[in-house]
Amino acid sequence: MNIRFSASPPTGVSTQTTQRRQIIKALLALGLTPATASLLSACRQTPDTAAAQELWVSAQGSHAHSFGLGWLQPGTSGQTAFTAATGFRGHGAVQHPLRPDSVLMISRQPGTECAEVNLLSGDITARFACQPGRHLHGHACFSADGRQLFTTESDFVSGLGKIVVRDATTYQWLGEFDSQGIGPHELKLMPDGKTLVVANGGLRTHPDSGRKILNLDTMRSSLTYLRVSDGALTDEQTLSERKASIRHLDVAADGTVAVATQIQRTAMANNHIVAPGAVHSPGKTLQPLNAPEALLSQFNDYMGSVAVHNSERVAAFSSPRGNLVAFWHLDRGELLGYHAFHDVCGLTVSHDQRYFVLSNSAGQLRRINARTLQEQPGLRLQIPAMHWDNHMISLTLNTLS
């Protein structure tokens, strides 16, 4: 199983609080607002008037000096956004289950840093880095009890994928196990609380080569299920198209997994159209999601994110290269509709479950009715200074005493 544990922390773990004046100066230069009294007063209500505050959170930024974690309250005018400058480009983000006012942002592959941001103050409350010889793949998740953090990483030398286990309070390195593949990207905890599902993209990279793929001829992508307690492989699924890289996933309450792929067309033996999404139901095999070839070709072999709506049994897939979001029924595998939106990638489900929320790099947000799959144009938002990155999450903050 190759699990390793250590009592000593790895190189690069540190905790710090950002200097408020430096943050405010940077944000004002970008036309953004630091998370100060307006957000604090909204969340610190009296018990009699308490209500959960929904926030939409995403990595954002278009160049080095603007990279950070951004968020907004959709219930307000929608024109006020907040950000915390991190100094590195983020990819995925996850809310801390034991500190719900905090979100962890993970750096984009082949980055090595993570930053924890307090959404009420805008402070970066912790940072940590990979061990030497490792890089991150942009995603993480917490254990069922919130005490451990799991990150997808790669070993530079062997190229093997690793699931690294850290203490979720201190972010100290605790151990690791194999992802049972190469290039592990997104991972999620399954509803049983005992299993991780991992999208092994199959693509080997090295920081010295940036994001260049080094093993196109031999790539092998897989969806693996790993036991949290010891890393044991309990199931593995693959697609018939060997050059389809499984990158992103979301999990329904019943354990159905929707996966988004990115096709490595230059390495394919022929030029046939490949479905860029698939669904895996417990006890079955991984099934591609089909649609008319005319539509499949519009995705340009690339899905960037996926989000599942549990009650409607709908999976939404975004294609920034195709400027489209498409919706499939989880059980029937039926294409239900699609929506055109320039450079769309971020996807989440609103707290009230009424909408799929879409974001793009121009700072725009749209809401798609989860039942009718029709956009609500009157609810469009745009924050011109904000450049939403690949993934968005919806979360709530309750009243703080």
Protein backbone atom coordinates (compact mmCIF):
# COMPACT_ATOMS: atom_id res chain seq x y z
CA MET A 1 0.00 0.00 0.00
CA ASN A 2 3.10 2.19 0.49
CA ILE A 3 1.70 4.21 3.37
CA ARG A 4 4.27 6.35 5.14
CA PHE A 5 3.88 8.21 8.42
CA SER A 6 6.15 10.70 10.08
CA ALA A 7 6.22 12.50 13.41
CA SER A 8 8.16 15.43 11.97
CA PRO A 9 6.65 18.12 9.73
CA PRO A 10 7.74 18.52 6.11
CA THR A 11 9.67 21.47 4.80
CA GLY A 12 7.56 24.49 3.96
CA VAL A 13 4.80 24.33 6.60
CA SER A 14 4.13 27.69 8.21
CA THR A 15 1.30 29.73 9.72
CA GLN A 16 0.87 33.49 9.27
CA THR A 17 -1.61 36.35 9.22
CA THR A 18 -1.38 38.81 6.35
CA GLN A 19 -0.80 42.48 6.96
CA ARG A 20 -4.12 44.30 6.58
CA ARG A 21 -2.63 47.44 5.05
CA GLN A 22 -0.84 45.48 2.33
CA ILE A 23 -4.00 43.55 1.44
CA ILE A 24 -6.18 46.64 1.30
CA LYS A 25 -3.66 48.49 -0.86
CA ALA A 26 -3.50 45.58 -3.32
CA LEU A 27 -7.27 45.19 -3.48
CA LEU A 28 -8.00 48.84 -4.03
CA ALA A 29 -5.52 48.84 -6.89
CA LEU A 30 -7.63 46.08 -8.47
CA GLY A 31 -10.94 47.82 -7.83
CA LEU A 32 -11.95 45.14 -5.33
CA THR A 33 -13.12 45.38 -1.74
CA PRO A 34 -11.43 43.70 1.23
CA ALA A 35 -13.68 41.64 3.49
CA THR A 36 -14.23 44.20 6.20
CA ALA A 37 -17.22 45.49 8.17
CA SER A 38 -19.87 44.99 5.49
CA LEU A 39 -19.44 41.21 5.42
CA LEU A 40 -18.82 40.97 9.13
CA SER A 41 -22.04 42.78 9.99
CA ALA A 42 -24.01 40.63 7.56
CA CYS A 43 -22.81 37.42 9.20
CA ARG A 44 -22.70 38.53 12.84
CA GLN A 45 -26.42 38.88 13.38
CA THR A 46 -28.29 38.39 16.64
CA PRO A 47 -29.73 34.90 17.25
CA ASP A 48 -33.26 36.18 16.62
CA THR A 49 -32.38 37.41 13.13
CA ALA A 50 -29.76 34.81 12.27
CA ALA A 51 -29.72 33.40 8.77
CA ALA A 52 -27.15 31.45 6.84
CA GLN A 53 -25.22 33.70 4.46
CA GLU A 54 -24.49 32.16 1.08
CA LEU A 55 -21.15 32.89 -0.55
CA TRP A 56 -19.81 31.91 -3.96
CA VAL A 57 -16.08 31.29 -3.76
CA SER A 58 -13.46 30.74 -6.45
CA ALA A 59 -9.81 31.17 -7.23
CA GLN A 60 -9.45 34.26 -9.36
CA GLY A 61 -6.95 36.52 -11.11
CA SER A 62 -5.56 37.07 -14.58
CA HIS A 63 -1.88 37.67 -13.82
CA ALA A 64 0.63 37.16 -11.01
CA HIS A 65 -0.07 40.28 -8.94
CA SER A 66 -3.84 39.65 -8.92
CA PHE A 67 -3.96 35.93 -8.11
CA GLY A 68 -5.98 35.08 -5.03
CA LEU A 69 -9.22 33.73 -3.61
CA GLY A 70 -12.35 35.69 -4.50
CA TRP A 71 -15.91 35.57 -3.17
CA LEU A 72 -19.21 37.41 -3.17
CA GLN A 73 -22.65 37.33 -1.54
CA PRO A 74 -25.29 36.70 -4.22
CA GLY A 75 -28.04 37.89 -1.88
CA THR A 76 -26.70 41.44 -1.84
CA SER A 77 -26.54 43.82 -4.79
CA GLY A 78 -24.10 41.36 -6.29
CA GLN A 79 -21.65 44.06 -7.26
CA THR A 80 -19.44 43.81 -4.18
CA ALA A 81 -16.73 41.18 -4.33
CA PHE A 82 -14.00 40.36 -1.87
CA THR A 83 -10.57 38.88 -2.41
CA ALA A 84 -7.47 37.75 -0.57
CA ALA A 85 -4.24 38.01 -2.54
CA THR A 86 -2.22 34.79 -2.25
CA GLY A 87 0.70 35.35 -4.60
CA PHE A 88 0.02 32.13 -6.52
CA ARG A 89 -2.66 30.97 -8.95
CA GLY A 90 -5.26 28.76 -7.36
CA HIS A 91 -7.38 26.03 -8.89
CA GLY A 92 -9.82 24.26 -6.55
CA ALA A 93 -11.11 25.42 -3.19
CA VAL A 94 -12.79 23.62 -0.30
CA GLN A 95 -14.57 24.86 2.83
CA HIS A 96 -13.08 23.73 6.13
CA PRO A 97 -15.72 21.59 7.92
CA LEU A 98 -14.51 22.53 11.41
CA ARG A 99 -13.80 26.18 10.59
CA PRO A 100 -16.65 27.01 8.18
CA ASP A 101 -15.60 30.64 7.86
CA SER A 102 -12.34 29.39 6.29
CA VAL A 103 -11.63 28.09 2.80
CA LEU A 104 -8.52 26.32 1.60
CA MET A 105 -7.30 27.23 -1.90
CA ILE A 106 -4.99 24.77 -3.66
CA SER A 107 -2.48 25.92 -6.26
CA ARG A 108 -2.80 25.00 -9.90
CA GLN A 109 -0.65 22.15 -11.25
CA PRO A 110 2.36 22.11 -11.02
CA GLY A 111 2.16 24.44 -8.01
CA THR A 112 3.27 23.50 -4.52
CA GLU A 113 1.35 25.87 -2.19
CA CYS A 114 -1.98 26.02 -0.38
CA ALA A 115 -3.47 28.94 1.51
CA GLU A 116 -6.27 29.05 4.07
CA VAL A 117 -8.37 32.23 3.92
CA ASN A 118 -10.78 33.50 6.56
CA LEU A 119 -13.77 34.82 4.60
CA LEU A 120 -14.89 37.18 7.36
CA SER A 121 -11.62 39.03 7.77
CA GLY A 122 -9.96 38.39 4.42
CA ASP A 123 -6.83 37.22 6.23
CA ILE A 124 -4.65 34.36 5.06
CA THR A 125 -4.58 32.38 8.29
CA ALA A 126 -2.31 29.53 7.21
CA ARG A 127 -0.04 28.43 4.39
CA PHE A 128 1.68 25.17 3.68
CA ALA A 129 3.71 23.61 0.88
CA CYS A 130 4.39 20.15 -0.51
CA GLN A 131 7.37 18.15 0.55
CA PRO A 132 10.39 18.59 -1.71
CA GLY A 133 10.06 16.57 -4.90
CA ARG A 134 6.27 16.85 -5.02
CA HIS A 135 3.72 19.06 -6.72
CA LEU A 136 -0.01 19.55 -6.27
CA HIS A 137 -2.81 18.96 -8.77
CA GLY A 138 -5.16 21.68 -7.57
CA HIS A 139 -7.68 19.74 -5.46
CA ALA A 140 -8.24 18.56 -1.90
CA CYS A 141 -10.96 17.22 0.38
CA PHE A 142 -11.48 16.64 4.09
CA SER A 143 -12.25 13.48 6.02
CA ALA A 144 -15.77 12.86 7.34
CA ASP A 145 -14.85 14.11 10.81
CA GLY A 146 -12.95 17.13 9.44
CA ARG A 147 -9.73 16.14 11.17
CA GLN A 148 -7.72 15.17 8.10
CA LEU A 149 -7.03 16.77 4.74
CA PHE A 150 -6.30 14.80 1.58
CA THR A 151 -4.44 16.35 -1.36
CA THR A 152 -3.62 14.91 -4.79
CA GLU A 153 0.10 15.14 -5.55
CA SER A 154 2.76 13.66 -7.82
CA ASP A 155 6.25 12.41 -7.13
CA PHE A 156 8.73 14.08 -9.50
CA VAL A 157 11.08 11.09 -9.69
CA SER A 158 8.72 8.13 -10.02
CA GLY A 159 5.85 10.02 -11.62
CA LEU A 160 3.43 8.12 -9.38
CA GLY A 161 0.33 9.76 -7.98
CA LYS A 162 0.04 10.18 -4.23
CA ILE A 163 -2.76 10.99 -1.82
CA VAL A 164 -1.12 12.95 0.98
CA VAL A 165 -2.75 13.00 4.41
CA ARG A 166 -2.39 16.07 6.63
CA ASP A 167 -3.70 17.15 9.99
CA ALA A 168 -6.57 19.51 9.16
CA THR A 169 -5.81 21.78 12.15
CA THR A 170 -2.08 22.30 11.72
CA TYR A 171 -1.66 21.03 8.12
CA GLN A 172 1.24 18.90 9.35
CA TRP A 173 2.12 15.97 7.07
CA LEU A 174 0.84 12.67 8.54
CA GLY A 175 1.31 10.13 5.76
CA GLU A 176 0.45 9.18 2.21
CA PHE A 177 -0.67 6.36 -0.03
CA ASP A 178 -0.68 5.67 -3.77
CA SER A 179 -3.50 7.07 -5.89
CA GLN A 180 -3.13 3.87 -7.96
CA GLY A 181 -2.43 5.92 -11.06
CA ILE A 182 -0.51 8.81 -12.58
CA GLY A 183 -1.56 12.44 -12.42
CA PRO A 184 -4.29 12.31 -9.75
CA HIS A 185 -6.41 15.42 -10.14
CA GLU A 186 -9.75 15.89 -8.37
CA LEU A 187 -10.80 13.69 -5.46
CA LYS A 188 -13.89 13.55 -3.27
CA LEU A 189 -15.05 11.70 -0.19
CA MET A 190 -17.78 9.20 -0.97
CA PRO A 191 -21.09 9.30 0.96
CA ASP A 192 -20.00 6.35 3.14
CA GLY A 193 -17.30 8.60 4.66
CA LYS A 194 -14.82 5.73 4.32
CA THR A 195 -13.82 5.88 0.65
CA LEU A 196 -12.08 8.40 -1.57
CA VAL A 197 -12.82 8.52 -5.29
CA VAL A 198 -9.90 9.82 -7.35
CA ALA A 199 -9.67 11.00 -10.96
CA ASN A 200 -6.25 9.78 -12.16
CA GLY A 201 -5.69 11.78 -15.32
CA GLY A 202 -2.87 9.48 -16.45
CA LEU A 203 -0.73 12.41 -17.57
CA ARG A 204 2.79 12.76 -16.24
CA THR A 205 4.29 16.25 -15.88
CA HIS A 206 7.32 17.78 -14.19
CA PRO A 207 7.70 21.33 -12.85
CA ASP A 208 10.86 21.79 -14.92
CA SER A 209 8.69 21.30 -18.03
CA GLY A 210 5.73 23.32 -16.80
CA ARG A 211 2.46 21.72 -17.89
CA LYS A 212 4.00 19.77 -20.79
CA ILE A 213 2.75 16.16 -20.91
CA LEU A 214 5.62 13.69 -20.87
CA ASN A 215 3.86 10.36 -21.44
CA LEU A 216 1.18 10.76 -24.10
CA ASP A 217 2.08 7.44 -25.73
CA THR A 218 1.74 5.42 -22.54
CA MET A 219 -0.88 7.42 -20.59
CA ARG A 220 -3.45 5.43 -18.64
CA SER A 221 -6.31 7.27 -16.98
CA SER A 222 -8.54 5.72 -14.31
CA LEU A 223 -11.18 6.34 -11.70
CA THR A 224 -10.05 4.71 -8.45
CA TYR A 225 -11.80 4.10 -5.16
CA LEU A 226 -9.47 4.03 -2.15
CA ARG A 227 -10.18 3.11 1.45
CA VAL A 228 -9.46 6.12 3.67
CA SER A 229 -8.08 4.09 6.55
CA ASP A 230 -5.21 2.45 4.66
CA GLY A 231 -5.34 3.48 1.00
CA ALA A 232 -6.44 0.05 -0.22
CA LEU A 233 -7.86 -0.03 -3.76
CA THR A 234 -11.49 -1.18 -3.63
CA ASP A 235 -12.48 -0.50 -7.26
CA GLU A 236 -11.01 0.83 -10.49
CA GLN A 237 -12.82 2.01 -13.61
CA THR A 238 -11.42 2.96 -17.01
CA LEU A 239 -12.82 4.28 -20.27
CA SER A 240 -12.54 2.51 -23.62
CA GLU A 241 -10.85 5.57 -25.13
CA ARG A 242 -7.35 5.40 -23.69
CA LYS A 243 -6.56 9.01 -24.54
CA ALA A 244 -9.46 10.37 -22.48
CA SER A 245 -7.95 11.89 -19.34
CA ILE A 246 -10.33 11.75 -16.36
CA ARG A 247 -9.77 15.04 -14.56
CA HIS A 248 -12.78 16.26 -12.61
CA LEU A 249 -15.66 14.65 -10.78
CA ASP A 250 -18.62 15.19 -8.51
CA VAL A 251 -20.51 12.72 -6.35
CA ALA A 252 -24.26 12.38 -5.85
CA ALA A 253 -25.73 11.49 -2.45
CA ASP A 254 -26.31 7.88 -3.54
CA GLY A 255 -22.68 7.42 -4.63
CA THR A 256 -23.16 8.00 -8.36
CA VAL A 257 -20.03 9.69 -9.73
CA ALA A 258 -20.00 12.05 -12.73
CA VAL A 259 -16.60 12.50 -14.38
CA ALA A 260 -15.35 15.14 -16.81
CA THR A 261 -12.55 14.26 -19.21
CA GLN A 262 -10.05 16.04 -21.41
CA ILE A 263 -9.24 14.21 -24.65
CA GLN A 264 -5.60 14.11 -25.76
CA ARG A 265 -6.47 14.15 -29.45
CA THR A 266 -2.91 14.55 -30.75
CA ALA A 267 -2.12 11.12 -29.32
CA MET A 268 -5.20 9.35 -30.68
CA ALA A 269 -4.90 6.67 -33.34
CA ASN A 270 -7.85 8.10 -35.28
CA ASN A 271 -10.03 11.19 -35.33
CA HIS A 272 -13.34 9.86 -34.01
CA ILE A 273 -15.50 12.00 -31.73
CA VAL A 274 -15.24 11.09 -28.04
CA ALA A 275 -17.84 11.79 -25.35
CA PRO A 276 -16.09 14.08 -22.84
CA GLY A 277 -18.20 13.02 -19.83
CA ALA A 278 -19.16 9.78 -18.12
CA VAL A 279 -21.09 8.42 -15.13
CA HIS A 280 -20.26 5.60 -12.76
CA SER A 281 -23.03 4.08 -10.65
CA PRO A 282 -22.24 1.69 -7.79
CA GLY A 283 -21.94 -1.88 -9.02
CA LYS A 284 -21.80 -0.88 -12.69
CA THR A 285 -19.14 0.11 -15.22
CA LEU A 286 -18.16 3.62 -16.21
CA GLN A 287 -20.59 4.76 -18.93
CA PRO A 288 -19.84 7.57 -21.44
CA LEU A 289 -22.49 10.29 -21.78
CA ASN A 290 -23.49 10.52 -25.40
CA ALA A 291 -25.00 13.29 -27.48
CA PRO A 292 -25.26 14.16 -31.18
CA GLU A 293 -21.79 14.34 -32.73
CA ALA A 294 -22.45 17.90 -33.88
CA LEU A 295 -22.74 18.95 -30.25
CA LEU A 296 -19.95 16.72 -28.90
CA SER A 297 -17.55 18.25 -31.39
CA GLN A 298 -18.34 21.71 -30.03
CA PHE A 299 -16.79 20.85 -26.67
CA ASN A 300 -13.37 20.72 -28.34
CA ASP A 301 -12.42 17.58 -26.38
CA TYR A 302 -12.43 19.46 -23.08
CA MET A 303 -14.62 19.58 -20.00
CA GLY A 304 -13.37 21.83 -17.22
CA SER A 305 -15.72 21.19 -14.32
CA VAL A 306 -18.72 19.11 -13.28
CA ALA A 307 -21.46 19.65 -10.68
CA VAL A 308 -24.27 17.30 -9.61
CA HIS A 309 -27.76 18.39 -8.54
CA ASN A 310 -29.00 15.63 -6.25
CA SER A 311 -32.77 16.04 -6.25
CA GLU A 312 -33.02 16.68 -10.00
CA ARG A 313 -30.50 13.93 -10.78
CA VAL A 314 -28.77 16.23 -13.25
CA ALA A 315 -25.03 16.57 -13.90
CA ALA A 316 -23.77 19.82 -15.43
CA PHE A 317 -20.48 19.88 -17.37
CA SER A 318 -18.64 23.03 -18.42
CA SER A 319 -16.43 23.41 -21.49
CA PRO A 320 -14.41 26.65 -21.53
CA ARG A 321 -12.92 25.72 -24.90
CA GLY A 322 -16.38 25.12 -26.33
CA ASN A 323 -18.06 28.05 -24.51
CA LEU A 324 -20.82 25.65 -23.42
CA VAL A 325 -22.38 24.04 -20.37
CA ALA A 326 -24.28 20.80 -21.02
CA PHE A 327 -26.69 18.90 -18.78
CA TRP A 328 -27.23 15.13 -18.63
CA HIS A 329 -29.56 12.99 -16.55
CA LEU A 330 -27.49 10.88 -14.16
CA ASP A 331 -29.60 7.74 -14.41
CA ARG A 332 -30.81 7.77 -17.99
CA GLY A 333 -27.63 9.18 -19.51
CA GLU A 334 -29.86 11.48 -21.55
CA LEU A 335 -28.72 14.89 -22.79
CA LEU A 336 -31.21 17.37 -21.32
CA GLY A 337 -29.95 20.68 -22.69
CA TYR A 338 -27.07 23.10 -23.00
CA HIS A 339 -26.25 26.76 -22.50
CA ALA A 340 -23.76 28.93 -24.41
CA PHE A 341 -21.51 31.11 -22.21
CA HIS A 342 -18.10 32.48 -23.20
CA ASP A 343 -15.13 30.81 -21.46
CA VAL A 344 -17.39 29.19 -18.86
CA CYS A 345 -15.72 26.84 -16.40
CA GLY A 346 -16.80 27.39 -12.78
CA LEU A 347 -19.87 25.37 -11.75
CA THR A 348 -21.73 24.97 -8.47
CA VAL A 349 -25.26 24.52 -7.11
CA SER A 350 -26.83 27.35 -5.14
CA HIS A 351 -27.56 26.82 -1.45
CA ASP A 352 -31.33 26.84 -2.01
CA GLN A 353 -30.88 24.16 -4.71
CA ARG A 354 -32.77 26.26 -7.24
CA TYR A 355 -29.89 27.00 -9.60
CA PHE A 356 -26.74 25.84 -11.25
CA VAL A 357 -24.32 28.76 -10.92
CA LEU A 358 -21.88 29.38 -13.80
CA SER A 359 -18.79 31.61 -13.80
CA ASN A 360 -16.22 32.72 -16.35
CA SER A 361 -12.91 34.55 -16.63
CA ALA A 362 -14.60 37.88 -17.43
CA GLY A 363 -16.08 38.08 -13.93
CA GLN A 364 -19.56 37.10 -15.12
CA LEU A 365 -21.98 34.81 -13.29
CA ARG A 366 -25.20 33.25 -14.53
CA ARG A 367 -27.91 31.13 -12.92
CA ILE A 368 -29.60 28.21 -14.66
CA ASN A 369 -32.88 26.96 -13.18
CA ALA A 370 -32.08 23.41 -12.04
CA ARG A 371 -35.56 22.13 -12.90
CA THR A 372 -36.18 23.79 -16.28
CA LEU A 373 -32.50 24.27 -17.27
CA GLN A 374 -33.40 27.76 -18.48
CA GLU A 375 -31.19 30.72 -17.68
CA GLN A 376 -32.59 33.52 -15.50
CA PRO A 377 -31.24 36.61 -17.36
CA GLY A 378 -32.44 38.99 -14.66
CA LEU A 379 -30.07 37.34 -12.18
CA ARG A 380 -26.90 37.87 -14.19
CA LEU A 381 -23.99 39.41 -12.30
CA GLN A 382 -20.66 40.82 -13.40
CA ILE A 383 -17.69 42.04 -11.40
CA PRO A 384 -15.32 43.41 -14.07
CA ALA A 385 -12.24 43.39 -11.84
CA MET A 386 -12.75 39.74 -10.93
CA HIS A 387 -11.47 36.97 -13.21
CA TRP A 388 -13.00 33.72 -11.96
CA ASP A 389 -10.78 30.69 -12.43
CA ASN A 390 -11.68 27.06 -13.13
CA HIS A 391 -13.86 26.09 -10.17
CA MET A 392 -16.48 27.68 -7.95
CA ILE A 393 -18.05 26.46 -4.70
CA SER A 394 -21.19 27.58 -2.88
CA LEU A 395 -21.08 27.66 0.89
CA THR A 396 -22.88 29.20 3.85
CA LEU A 397 -21.70 31.00 6.94
CA ASN A 398 -23.92 30.91 10.01
CA THR A 399 -24.17 33.57 12.71
CA LEU A 400 -21.07 33.87 14.86
CA SER A 401 -21.55 34.53 18.55
